[in-house]
Amino acid sequence: MARKIKEKMNHISDTAKSTLNPLTVDLLSNKEALINGCRGIIEYSDCDVKVNCGSLIIAFEGSDLSIKALSVEEITVKGEILKIEFSNC
């Protein structure tokens, strides 16, 4: 499991280097994710959040999820995050 996460994080890092505004995802346990470099919210409910990050979509699954917009390109997803999935647009 840790290997898959590391591979996905390496992919995110490579993708971020190729954009003007690098993508970063900071996790605080499974309770909070700070996404910097996002371009919009695709889907939002209390159990699913999908965020457009340019060439990537980041999907969060969990319970009691909420979004706090910190700026145009930075959001925080809070709640009990059970799964994070990265996919290409």
Protein backbone atom coordinates (compact mmCIF):
# COMPACT_ATOMS: atom_id res chain seq x y z
CA MET A 1 0.00 0.00 0.00
CA ALA A 2 2.75 2.46 0.93
CA ARG A 3 4.51 1.70 -2.36
CA LYS A 4 1.40 2.60 -4.38
CA ILE A 5 1.02 5.86 -2.47
CA LYS A 6 4.68 6.70 -3.06
CA GLU A 7 4.33 5.97 -6.79
CA LYS A 8 1.25 8.19 -7.01
CA MET A 9 2.92 10.98 -5.06
CA ASN A 10 5.93 10.76 -7.42
CA HIS A 11 3.52 11.09 -10.35
CA ILE A 12 1.95 14.15 -8.74
CA SER A 13 5.39 15.62 -8.18
CA ASP A 14 6.35 15.08 -11.83
CA THR A 15 3.07 16.59 -13.00
CA ALA A 16 3.42 19.57 -10.66
CA LYS A 17 6.88 20.38 -12.00
CA SER A 18 5.44 20.75 -15.49
CA THR A 19 2.83 23.37 -14.52
CA LEU A 20 3.13 27.03 -13.65
CA ASN A 21 1.47 26.60 -10.26
CA PRO A 22 2.77 23.42 -8.68
CA LEU A 23 0.28 21.03 -7.13
CA THR A 24 0.81 20.11 -3.49
CA VAL A 25 -1.31 17.94 -1.22
CA ASP A 26 -0.64 18.12 2.52
CA LEU A 27 -2.34 15.59 4.79
CA LEU A 28 -3.05 15.93 8.49
CA SER A 29 -3.73 12.31 9.44
CA ASN A 30 -6.94 11.19 7.72
CA LYS A 31 -8.84 14.25 8.96
CA GLU A 32 -7.69 17.05 6.66
CA ALA A 33 -6.15 17.52 3.20
CA LEU A 34 -4.84 20.87 2.00
CA ILE A 35 -4.69 21.05 -1.81
CA ASN A 36 -2.71 23.90 -3.34
CA GLY A 37 -2.81 24.31 -7.12
CA CYS A 38 -6.40 23.22 -7.72
CA ARG A 39 -8.52 24.63 -10.52
CA GLY A 40 -12.01 23.85 -9.26
CA ILE A 41 -14.36 21.42 -7.61
CA ILE A 42 -15.93 18.79 -9.85
CA GLU A 43 -18.10 16.96 -7.32
CA TYR A 44 -18.99 17.62 -3.70
CA SER A 45 -21.07 15.74 -1.15
CA ASP A 46 -20.56 14.68 2.46
CA CYS A 47 -18.98 11.40 1.28
CA ASP A 48 -17.31 12.31 -2.05
CA VAL A 49 -15.18 15.24 -3.18
CA LYS A 50 -13.50 15.49 -6.60
CA VAL A 51 -11.08 18.32 -7.31
CA ASN A 52 -9.75 19.42 -10.71
CA CYS A 53 -5.98 19.95 -10.49
CA GLY A 54 -5.20 20.59 -14.14
CA SER A 55 -3.88 17.35 -15.59
CA LEU A 56 -5.03 15.38 -12.51
CA ILE A 57 -8.28 14.79 -10.70
CA ILE A 58 -8.04 14.04 -7.00
CA ALA A 59 -11.02 12.17 -5.51
CA PHE A 60 -11.62 11.90 -1.77
CA GLU A 61 -14.01 9.37 -0.24
CA GLY A 62 -15.03 9.30 3.39
CA SER A 63 -17.66 10.60 5.78
CA ASP A 64 -18.65 14.05 7.02
CA LEU A 65 -16.50 15.65 4.30
CA SER A 66 -16.57 19.41 3.93
CA ILE A 67 -14.66 21.95 1.86
CA LYS A 68 -13.14 25.21 2.97
CA ALA A 69 -11.86 27.53 0.24
CA LEU A 70 -8.75 29.34 1.40
CA SER A 71 -8.09 31.07 -1.93
CA VAL A 72 -8.83 30.61 -5.61
CA GLU A 73 -6.23 27.82 -5.94
CA GLU A 74 -6.15 26.43 -2.39
CA ILE A 75 -8.83 24.37 -0.64
CA THR A 76 -9.04 22.18 2.43
CA VAL A 77 -11.06 18.97 2.58
CA LYS A 78 -12.03 18.07 6.15
CA GLY A 79 -13.76 15.05 7.63
CA GLU A 80 -12.89 11.38 7.91
CA ILE A 81 -10.93 10.69 4.71
CA LEU A 82 -10.95 6.97 3.94
CA LYS A 83 -9.65 6.95 0.36
CA ILE A 84 -7.73 9.26 -1.96
CA GLU A 85 -7.60 8.48 -5.67
CA PHE A 86 -5.56 10.20 -8.39
CA SER A 87 -6.56 10.00 -12.05
CA ASN A 88 -5.60 11.74 -15.28
CA CYS A 89 -8.08 14.10 -16.94
